[in-house]
N, C-alpha and C. Protein backbone atom coordinates (compact mmCIF):
# COMPACT_ATOMS: atom_id res chain seq x y z
N MET A 1 -115.69 -81.37 -36.74
CA MET A 1 -115.91 -81.42 -37.89
C MET A 1 -116.42 -82.60 -38.70
N ASN A 2 -117.65 -83.04 -39.40
CA ASN A 2 -117.82 -84.44 -39.84
C ASN A 2 -116.68 -84.10 -41.05
N GLU A 3 -116.81 -85.66 -41.71
CA GLU A 3 -115.77 -85.84 -43.12
C GLU A 3 -116.88 -84.93 -44.52
N THR A 4 -117.71 -84.85 -44.05
CA THR A 4 -118.56 -84.27 -44.95
C THR A 4 -118.51 -82.64 -45.24
N ASP A 5 -118.24 -81.85 -44.15
CA ASP A 5 -118.23 -80.89 -44.13
C ASP A 5 -116.65 -80.50 -43.63
N LYS A 6 -115.70 -81.52 -44.11
CA LYS A 6 -114.17 -81.02 -44.63
C LYS A 6 -114.35 -80.55 -45.84
N ALA A 7 -114.87 -81.81 -47.04
CA ALA A 7 -115.33 -82.06 -48.01
C ALA A 7 -115.63 -80.71 -48.86
N PHE A 8 -116.93 -79.86 -47.70
CA PHE A 8 -117.23 -79.12 -48.66
C PHE A 8 -116.70 -77.56 -48.43
N GLU A 9 -115.42 -78.32 -46.93
CA GLU A 9 -114.83 -76.92 -46.74
C GLU A 9 -114.11 -76.93 -48.42
N ARG A 10 -113.07 -77.11 -47.88
CA ARG A 10 -111.80 -77.90 -49.21
C ARG A 10 -112.89 -77.61 -50.42
N LEU A 11 -113.76 -77.95 -51.32
CA LEU A 11 -114.14 -77.52 -52.12
C LEU A 11 -114.66 -76.14 -52.04
N VAL A 12 -115.32 -75.45 -51.26
CA VAL A 12 -115.54 -73.62 -51.58
C VAL A 12 -113.75 -72.88 -51.01
N VAL A 13 -112.93 -74.10 -50.46
CA VAL A 13 -111.69 -72.66 -50.73
C VAL A 13 -110.75 -73.19 -52.26
N GLU A 14 -111.30 -74.36 -52.86
CA GLU A 14 -110.84 -74.76 -53.56
C GLU A 14 -111.37 -73.46 -55.29
N GLN A 15 -112.75 -73.43 -54.70
CA GLN A 15 -113.28 -73.03 -55.86
C GLN A 15 -114.05 -71.84 -55.39
N LYS A 16 -114.24 -70.94 -54.41
CA LYS A 16 -114.39 -69.52 -54.01
C LYS A 16 -113.64 -68.06 -54.92
N GLY A 17 -112.81 -68.29 -55.46
CA GLY A 17 -112.55 -67.29 -56.93
C GLY A 17 -113.56 -67.27 -58.08
N THR A 18 -113.62 -69.00 -58.42
CA THR A 18 -114.33 -69.27 -59.85
C THR A 18 -116.13 -68.49 -59.10
N ILE A 19 -116.44 -68.93 -58.13
CA ILE A 19 -117.39 -68.48 -57.45
C ILE A 19 -117.43 -67.12 -57.71
N TYR A 20 -117.08 -66.15 -56.93
CA TYR A 20 -116.66 -64.79 -57.10
C TYR A 20 -117.08 -64.05 -58.24
N SER A 21 -116.20 -64.77 -58.81
CA SER A 21 -115.70 -64.26 -60.49
C SER A 21 -117.56 -64.17 -61.18
N VAL A 22 -117.84 -65.46 -61.03
CA VAL A 22 -119.08 -65.32 -61.54
C VAL A 22 -120.06 -64.09 -60.84
N CYS A 23 -120.07 -64.75 -59.62
CA CYS A 23 -120.88 -63.67 -58.99
C CYS A 23 -120.94 -61.65 -59.21
N LEU A 24 -119.89 -61.83 -59.45
CA LEU A 24 -119.08 -59.97 -59.74
C LEU A 24 -119.82 -59.77 -61.30
N MET A 25 -119.98 -60.72 -62.17
CA MET A 25 -120.11 -60.65 -63.36
C MET A 25 -121.56 -60.16 -63.15
N PHE A 26 -122.40 -60.51 -62.97
CA PHE A 26 -124.21 -60.18 -62.17
C PHE A 26 -124.63 -59.46 -61.46
N ALA A 27 -123.57 -58.91 -60.97
CA ALA A 27 -123.81 -57.74 -59.42
C ALA A 27 -123.74 -56.38 -60.24
N ASP A 28 -123.99 -55.82 -59.43
CA ASP A 28 -124.30 -54.06 -59.68
C ASP A 28 -123.31 -53.42 -59.10
N CYS A 29 -122.59 -54.20 -57.93
CA CYS A 29 -121.84 -53.31 -57.10
C CYS A 29 -121.34 -54.65 -56.01
N ALA A 30 -120.22 -54.02 -54.86
CA ALA A 30 -119.62 -55.11 -54.17
C ALA A 30 -120.16 -56.21 -53.40
N ASP A 31 -120.96 -55.50 -52.56
CA ASP A 31 -121.75 -55.97 -51.69
C ASP A 31 -122.92 -57.24 -52.28
N GLU A 32 -123.60 -56.59 -53.64
CA GLU A 32 -124.76 -57.24 -54.07
C GLU A 32 -123.73 -58.29 -54.66
N ALA A 33 -122.35 -58.82 -54.91
CA ALA A 33 -121.74 -59.57 -54.81
C ALA A 33 -121.53 -60.42 -53.73
N ASP A 34 -120.98 -60.25 -52.55
CA ASP A 34 -120.90 -60.71 -51.63
C ASP A 34 -121.87 -61.67 -51.04
N ASP A 35 -123.60 -60.62 -51.04
CA ASP A 35 -125.02 -61.45 -51.17
C ASP A 35 -124.90 -62.51 -52.19
N LEU A 36 -124.58 -62.84 -53.17
CA LEU A 36 -124.93 -63.28 -54.53
C LEU A 36 -123.81 -64.41 -54.22
N PHE A 37 -122.34 -64.57 -53.65
CA PHE A 37 -121.95 -65.66 -53.23
C PHE A 37 -122.08 -66.37 -52.29
N GLN A 38 -122.91 -65.42 -51.15
CA GLN A 38 -123.61 -66.22 -50.12
C GLN A 38 -124.94 -67.15 -50.05
N GLU A 39 -125.44 -67.07 -51.62
CA GLU A 39 -126.49 -67.64 -51.74
C GLU A 39 -126.11 -68.86 -52.80
N VAL A 40 -125.04 -68.22 -53.26
CA VAL A 40 -124.09 -69.88 -53.82
C VAL A 40 -123.93 -70.86 -52.98
N LEU A 41 -123.25 -70.60 -51.82
CA LEU A 41 -123.02 -71.47 -50.79
C LEU A 41 -123.73 -71.90 -50.21
N ILE A 42 -124.84 -71.51 -50.20
CA ILE A 42 -126.02 -72.33 -49.46
C ILE A 42 -126.49 -73.23 -50.78
N ASN A 43 -126.36 -73.24 -51.93
CA ASN A 43 -127.52 -73.60 -52.73
C ASN A 43 -126.23 -75.12 -52.89
N LEU A 44 -124.91 -74.58 -52.89
CA LEU A 44 -123.59 -75.75 -53.11
C LEU A 44 -124.10 -76.61 -51.83
N TRP A 45 -124.37 -76.10 -50.71
CA TRP A 45 -124.40 -76.32 -49.74
C TRP A 45 -126.10 -77.38 -49.56
N LYS A 46 -126.68 -77.66 -49.86
CA LYS A 46 -128.06 -78.00 -50.34
C LYS A 46 -127.44 -78.98 -51.36
N GLY A 47 -126.79 -78.54 -51.97
CA GLY A 47 -127.25 -79.78 -53.22
C GLY A 47 -125.61 -81.13 -53.23
N PHE A 48 -124.58 -80.46 -51.90
CA PHE A 48 -123.66 -80.66 -51.64
C PHE A 48 -123.61 -82.37 -51.94
N ALA A 49 -124.36 -83.30 -50.89
CA ALA A 49 -124.93 -84.39 -50.65
C ALA A 49 -125.42 -85.08 -51.78
N THR A 50 -126.05 -84.78 -52.50
CA THR A 50 -126.63 -84.97 -53.55
C THR A 50 -125.35 -85.15 -55.49
N PHE A 51 -124.33 -84.49 -55.39
CA PHE A 51 -123.35 -84.42 -56.08
C PHE A 51 -122.59 -85.60 -56.35
N ARG A 52 -122.82 -86.77 -57.29
CA ARG A 52 -122.30 -87.57 -58.01
C ARG A 52 -121.40 -87.75 -58.63
N GLY A 53 -120.78 -86.44 -58.93
CA GLY A 53 -119.16 -86.85 -59.65
C GLY A 53 -119.22 -87.08 -61.26
N GLU A 54 -120.42 -87.08 -61.74
CA GLU A 54 -120.42 -87.17 -63.27
C GLU A 54 -120.08 -85.85 -64.08
N SER A 55 -119.58 -85.36 -63.12
CA SER A 55 -119.15 -83.88 -64.40
C SER A 55 -117.92 -83.66 -62.79
N SER A 56 -116.74 -82.86 -63.57
CA SER A 56 -116.42 -82.32 -62.19
C SER A 56 -116.57 -81.53 -61.24
N ALA A 57 -115.88 -81.60 -60.12
CA ALA A 57 -116.41 -80.45 -59.09
C ALA A 57 -116.95 -78.90 -59.61
N ARG A 58 -115.53 -78.26 -60.87
CA ARG A 58 -115.33 -76.97 -61.13
C ARG A 58 -116.53 -77.25 -62.20
N THR A 59 -117.06 -78.25 -62.64
CA THR A 59 -118.44 -77.94 -63.42
C THR A 59 -119.49 -77.52 -62.76
N TRP A 60 -119.52 -78.59 -61.75
CA TRP A 60 -120.87 -78.57 -60.76
C TRP A 60 -121.01 -77.16 -60.39
N VAL A 61 -119.78 -76.92 -59.57
CA VAL A 61 -119.93 -75.56 -58.73
C VAL A 61 -119.94 -73.84 -59.62
N HIS A 62 -119.59 -74.64 -61.14
CA HIS A 62 -120.22 -73.05 -62.23
C HIS A 62 -121.53 -73.68 -62.16
N ARG A 63 -122.07 -74.26 -62.95
CA ARG A 63 -123.58 -74.39 -62.60
C ARG A 63 -124.41 -74.16 -61.73
N ALA A 64 -124.14 -74.37 -60.99
CA ALA A 64 -124.89 -74.08 -59.55
C ALA A 64 -124.65 -72.29 -59.02
N ALA A 65 -123.29 -71.83 -59.39
CA ALA A 65 -123.33 -70.55 -59.07
C ALA A 65 -123.74 -69.79 -60.46
N LEU A 66 -123.91 -70.02 -61.72
CA LEU A 66 -124.64 -69.38 -62.43
C LEU A 66 -126.18 -69.76 -62.79
N ASN A 67 -126.21 -70.63 -61.76
CA ASN A 67 -128.16 -70.77 -62.28
C ASN A 67 -129.07 -69.68 -61.36
N THR A 68 -127.95 -69.66 -59.72
CA THR A 68 -127.96 -68.63 -58.48
C THR A 68 -127.82 -67.78 -59.62
N CYS A 69 -126.93 -67.39 -59.93
CA CYS A 69 -126.78 -65.62 -60.59
C CYS A 69 -128.26 -65.40 -61.27
N ILE A 70 -128.64 -66.45 -62.11
CA ILE A 70 -128.88 -66.15 -63.64
C ILE A 70 -130.50 -65.82 -62.76
N SER A 71 -131.08 -66.66 -61.70
CA SER A 71 -132.46 -66.97 -60.70
C SER A 71 -132.47 -65.59 -60.16
N PHE A 72 -131.35 -65.02 -59.72
CA PHE A 72 -131.21 -63.64 -59.01
C PHE A 72 -131.47 -62.70 -60.02
N ASP A 73 -130.59 -62.51 -61.21
CA ASP A 73 -130.54 -61.72 -61.82
C ASP A 73 -131.99 -61.32 -62.31
N ARG A 74 -132.98 -62.93 -63.17
CA ARG A 74 -134.53 -62.17 -63.10
C ARG A 74 -135.23 -62.14 -61.96
N LYS A 75 -135.25 -62.18 -60.71
CA LYS A 75 -135.52 -61.77 -59.71
C LYS A 75 -135.64 -60.11 -59.98
N LYS A 76 -134.09 -60.15 -60.04
CA LYS A 76 -133.85 -58.38 -59.92
C LYS A 76 -134.18 -57.20 -60.98
N ARG A 77 -134.49 -57.73 -62.45
CA ARG A 77 -135.12 -57.37 -63.34
C ARG A 77 -136.93 -57.27 -63.34
N ARG A 78 -137.35 -58.21 -62.35
CA ARG A 78 -139.07 -58.14 -62.02
C ARG A 78 -139.10 -56.95 -61.23
N ARG A 79 -138.24 -56.75 -60.39
CA ARG A 79 -138.47 -55.97 -59.18
C ARG A 79 -138.41 -54.42 -59.91
N LYS A 80 -139.29 -53.69 -59.37
CA LYS A 80 -139.01 -52.03 -59.87
C LYS A 80 -138.57 -51.37 -58.46
N SER A 81 -136.72 -50.99 -58.65
CA SER A 81 -136.13 -50.28 -57.82
C SER A 81 -135.23 -49.32 -57.99
N ALA A 82 -135.11 -48.20 -57.39
CA ALA A 82 -134.45 -47.23 -57.76
C ALA A 82 -133.21 -47.47 -57.98
N GLU A 83 -132.33 -47.35 -59.40
CA GLU A 83 -130.71 -47.96 -59.60
C GLU A 83 -129.74 -46.83 -58.40
N LEU A 84 -128.94 -47.39 -58.28
CA LEU A 84 -127.84 -46.08 -57.51
C LEU A 84 -126.49 -46.63 -58.59
N ASP A 85 -125.88 -44.91 -58.84
CA ASP A 85 -124.62 -45.08 -59.00
C ASP A 85 -123.40 -45.80 -59.20
N ILE A 86 -123.79 -46.28 -58.07
CA ILE A 86 -122.05 -46.48 -57.29
C ILE A 86 -121.30 -47.70 -57.95
N GLU A 87 -120.60 -48.04 -58.07
CA GLU A 87 -119.78 -48.92 -58.86
C GLU A 87 -118.63 -49.90 -57.82
N PRO A 88 -118.40 -50.67 -57.85
CA PRO A 88 -116.88 -50.98 -56.88
C PRO A 88 -115.94 -50.95 -57.77
N GLU A 89 -115.07 -50.61 -56.44
CA GLU A 89 -113.86 -50.75 -56.54
C GLU A 89 -112.92 -51.58 -57.45
N LEU A 90 -113.15 -52.62 -58.27
CA LEU A 90 -112.21 -53.31 -58.01
C LEU A 90 -110.29 -53.23 -58.94
N LEU A 91 -111.29 -52.15 -59.50
CA LEU A 91 -109.72 -51.43 -60.66
C LEU A 91 -109.64 -50.38 -60.17
N SER A 92 -108.06 -49.80 -59.98
CA SER A 92 -108.57 -47.87 -60.07
C SER A 92 -109.25 -47.48 -61.15
N PRO A 93 -110.43 -47.10 -61.61
CA PRO A 93 -110.76 -46.39 -62.47
C PRO A 93 -110.03 -45.11 -62.95
N ALA A 94 -108.98 -44.92 -62.45
CA ALA A 94 -108.28 -44.03 -63.11
C ALA A 94 -106.94 -44.93 -63.54
N SER A 95 -107.02 -45.74 -64.24
CA SER A 95 -105.57 -46.44 -64.66
C SER A 95 -106.43 -47.07 -66.08
N ALA A 96 -105.92 -47.45 -67.09
CA ALA A 96 -106.37 -47.70 -68.14
C ALA A 96 -106.68 -49.06 -68.30
N THR A 97 -106.44 -50.27 -67.30
CA THR A 97 -106.61 -51.34 -67.03
C THR A 97 -107.96 -51.33 -66.54
N GLY A 98 -108.09 -50.55 -65.57
CA GLY A 98 -109.28 -50.28 -64.75
C GLY A 98 -110.74 -49.71 -65.63
N ARG A 99 -110.34 -48.90 -66.69
CA ARG A 99 -111.29 -48.05 -67.42
C ARG A 99 -111.78 -49.33 -68.39
N GLN A 100 -110.49 -50.32 -68.57
CA GLN A 100 -111.21 -51.59 -69.65
C GLN A 100 -112.22 -52.19 -69.27
N VAL A 101 -111.52 -52.76 -68.07
CA VAL A 101 -112.51 -53.86 -67.39
C VAL A 101 -113.83 -53.15 -66.82
N GLU A 102 -113.77 -51.74 -66.82
CA GLU A 102 -115.37 -51.52 -66.38
C GLU A 102 -116.35 -51.58 -68.11
N MET A 103 -115.55 -50.97 -68.67
CA MET A 103 -116.33 -51.26 -70.27
C MET A 103 -116.85 -52.60 -70.44
N LEU A 104 -115.67 -53.14 -70.51
CA LEU A 104 -115.46 -54.92 -70.78
C LEU A 104 -117.14 -55.09 -69.28
N ARG A 105 -117.55 -55.05 -68.53
CA ARG A 105 -118.09 -55.35 -67.34
C ARG A 105 -119.69 -54.35 -68.08
N GLU A 106 -119.93 -53.31 -68.37
CA GLU A 106 -120.64 -52.57 -69.17
C GLU A 106 -121.06 -53.49 -70.19
N ARG A 107 -120.32 -53.47 -70.77
CA ARG A 107 -121.00 -54.45 -72.30
C ARG A 107 -121.49 -55.91 -72.24
N ILE A 108 -120.67 -56.60 -71.20
CA ILE A 108 -121.24 -57.93 -70.70
C ILE A 108 -122.91 -58.18 -70.42
N SER A 109 -122.96 -56.75 -69.27
CA SER A 109 -123.97 -56.88 -68.48
C SER A 109 -125.23 -55.93 -69.35
N CYS A 110 -125.58 -56.38 -70.45
CA CYS A 110 -126.27 -55.79 -71.38
C CYS A 110 -126.87 -57.25 -71.85
N LEU A 111 -125.91 -57.79 -72.09
CA LEU A 111 -126.40 -59.68 -72.55
C LEU A 111 -127.55 -60.08 -72.25
N GLU A 112 -128.41 -60.60 -72.39
CA GLU A 112 -129.07 -61.77 -71.80
C GLU A 112 -128.34 -62.77 -70.58
N PRO A 113 -128.83 -63.36 -69.38
CA PRO A 113 -128.42 -63.73 -68.55
C PRO A 113 -127.46 -65.15 -69.50
N PHE A 114 -127.93 -65.79 -70.34
CA PHE A 114 -127.50 -67.25 -70.35
C PHE A 114 -126.43 -66.57 -71.26
N ASP A 115 -126.41 -65.71 -72.66
CA ASP A 115 -125.06 -65.40 -72.97
C ASP A 115 -123.79 -64.80 -71.89
N ARG A 116 -124.27 -64.16 -71.29
CA ARG A 116 -123.47 -63.13 -69.93
C ARG A 116 -123.09 -64.65 -69.71
N ALA A 117 -123.83 -65.82 -69.21
CA ALA A 117 -123.11 -66.87 -68.36
C ALA A 117 -121.68 -67.75 -69.36
N ILE A 118 -122.55 -67.51 -70.65
CA ILE A 118 -121.12 -68.10 -71.49
C ILE A 118 -119.82 -67.33 -71.88
N VAL A 119 -119.85 -66.46 -72.00
CA VAL A 119 -118.86 -64.99 -71.94
C VAL A 119 -118.00 -65.71 -70.52
N LEU A 120 -118.60 -65.02 -69.63
CA LEU A 120 -118.05 -65.26 -67.81
C LEU A 120 -117.55 -66.69 -68.46
N LEU A 121 -117.58 -67.88 -68.85
CA LEU A 121 -116.95 -68.96 -68.50
C LEU A 121 -115.62 -68.90 -69.79
N TRP A 122 -116.39 -68.88 -70.69
CA TRP A 122 -114.98 -68.50 -72.63
C TRP A 122 -114.15 -67.90 -71.46
N LEU A 123 -114.19 -66.06 -70.81
CA LEU A 123 -113.27 -65.78 -69.84
C LEU A 123 -112.59 -66.60 -68.94
N GLU A 124 -113.20 -67.59 -68.15
CA GLU A 124 -112.36 -68.24 -67.66
C GLU A 124 -111.21 -69.27 -68.19
N ASN A 125 -111.58 -69.73 -69.70
CA ASN A 125 -110.92 -70.33 -70.39
C ASN A 125 -110.94 -71.33 -70.34
N MET A 126 -112.40 -71.48 -70.26
CA MET A 126 -112.66 -73.13 -70.53
C MET A 126 -112.87 -73.42 -71.64
N SER A 127 -113.05 -74.48 -72.31
CA SER A 127 -112.88 -75.40 -72.85
C SER A 127 -114.33 -75.27 -74.16
N TYR A 128 -114.73 -75.26 -74.97
CA TYR A 128 -116.32 -75.40 -75.41
C TYR A 128 -117.16 -76.43 -74.88
N ASP A 129 -116.43 -77.77 -74.74
CA ASP A 129 -117.17 -78.85 -74.13
C ASP A 129 -117.41 -78.36 -72.70
N GLU A 130 -116.62 -77.82 -71.86
CA GLU A 130 -116.94 -77.57 -70.43
C GLU A 130 -117.78 -76.16 -70.58
N ILE A 131 -117.66 -75.69 -71.44
CA ILE A 131 -118.86 -74.36 -71.29
C ILE A 131 -120.33 -75.06 -71.84
N GLY A 132 -120.11 -76.21 -72.57
CA GLY A 132 -121.96 -76.72 -73.13
C GLY A 132 -122.14 -77.54 -71.78
N GLN A 133 -121.22 -78.54 -70.93
CA GLN A 133 -121.37 -79.20 -70.21
C GLN A 133 -122.11 -78.32 -68.97
N ILE A 134 -121.64 -77.20 -68.29
CA ILE A 134 -122.52 -76.06 -67.87
C ILE A 134 -123.22 -75.68 -68.13
N VAL A 135 -123.32 -75.00 -69.28
CA VAL A 135 -124.49 -74.51 -69.57
C VAL A 135 -126.52 -74.91 -70.59
N GLY A 136 -125.68 -76.44 -70.66
CA GLY A 136 -126.79 -77.66 -71.03
C GLY A 136 -126.45 -77.34 -72.62
N ILE A 137 -126.20 -77.07 -73.27
CA ILE A 137 -126.27 -77.57 -75.10
C ILE A 137 -124.42 -78.01 -75.32
N SER A 138 -124.56 -78.15 -76.81
CA SER A 138 -123.38 -78.78 -77.46
C SER A 138 -122.28 -77.85 -77.48
N ALA A 139 -120.96 -77.92 -77.57
CA ALA A 139 -119.71 -77.68 -78.03
C ALA A 139 -119.80 -76.71 -79.23
N ARG A 140 -120.45 -77.47 -80.31
CA ARG A 140 -120.79 -76.95 -81.22
C ARG A 140 -121.72 -75.37 -81.43
N HIS A 141 -122.39 -75.89 -80.32
CA HIS A 141 -123.53 -74.57 -80.32
C HIS A 141 -122.82 -73.08 -79.25
N VAL A 142 -121.81 -73.55 -78.69
CA VAL A 142 -121.27 -72.40 -77.30
C VAL A 142 -120.01 -71.70 -78.27
N GLY A 143 -120.03 -72.42 -79.84
CA GLY A 143 -119.12 -71.75 -80.71
C GLY A 143 -119.73 -71.01 -81.52
N VAL A 144 -121.11 -70.87 -82.05
CA VAL A 144 -122.16 -70.29 -82.23
C VAL A 144 -122.08 -69.26 -81.70
N ARG A 145 -122.79 -69.62 -80.61
CA ARG A 145 -123.57 -68.33 -79.34
C ARG A 145 -122.25 -67.31 -78.99
N LEU A 146 -120.88 -67.85 -78.96
CA LEU A 146 -119.73 -66.58 -79.00
C LEU A 146 -119.34 -65.98 -80.19
N VAL A 147 -119.69 -66.85 -81.33
CA VAL A 147 -119.79 -65.56 -82.36
C VAL A 147 -120.99 -64.78 -82.67
N ARG A 148 -121.91 -64.96 -82.35
CA ARG A 148 -123.07 -64.16 -82.14
C ARG A 148 -123.02 -63.11 -81.33
N ILE A 149 -122.48 -63.98 -79.84
CA ILE A 149 -122.21 -63.09 -78.51
C ILE A 149 -121.05 -61.79 -78.87
N ARG A 150 -120.05 -62.33 -79.72
CA ARG A 150 -119.23 -61.31 -79.92
C ARG A 150 -119.62 -60.14 -81.17
N GLU A 151 -120.02 -60.18 -82.43
CA GLU A 151 -121.01 -59.44 -82.77
C GLU A 151 -121.84 -58.47 -82.03
N LYS A 152 -122.36 -59.38 -81.22
CA LYS A 152 -123.33 -58.24 -79.94
C LYS A 152 -122.73 -57.19 -79.56
N LEU A 153 -122.15 -57.56 -79.05
CA LEU A 153 -120.44 -56.83 -78.25
C LEU A 153 -119.77 -55.53 -78.63
N LYS A 154 -119.50 -56.24 -80.51
CA LYS A 154 -118.69 -55.24 -81.43
C LYS A 154 -120.34 -54.00 -81.92
N SER A 155 -121.05 -54.15 -81.96
CA SER A 155 -121.90 -53.05 -82.17
C SER A 155 -122.73 -52.25 -81.48
N GLN A 156 -122.28 -52.19 -79.91
CA GLN A 156 -122.80 -51.40 -78.91
C GLN A 156 -121.59 -50.86 -78.73
N LYS A 157 -122.18 -49.28 -78.51
CA LYS A 157 -121.36 -47.92 -78.98
C LYS A 157 -121.13 -47.43 -77.55
């Protein structure tokens, strides 16, 4: 295994939780999240040699994961397919926490992909500056978007 392979493996080990949480936010089931995870890894590998380190590795991985998942989401919305009513059991649906997590996931999934990405990054406790770097807007605009997103989420029934 050469140095590039080792460096990539370290990056994946350090960031796999981040990658998977992005994938889960855009997936309808656990299998789809696994597929998205693989797609993100492929895209990260393709771009790894050109990563210049101008941003942190975490920022770069988030951006790649979000771009991969948003592209997948767009393709999925264009396809006309039968929808399955199967939900992944990340937390027991019988528990209060499980119900809250599922309700939050359902509400967030109704948002546009760009807004969904901002919420996901915010839930990851990222600063507005970091979120702005990842999605390509100013920190101030991140704050404005989050206020609007909160209003949308509050108005959902």
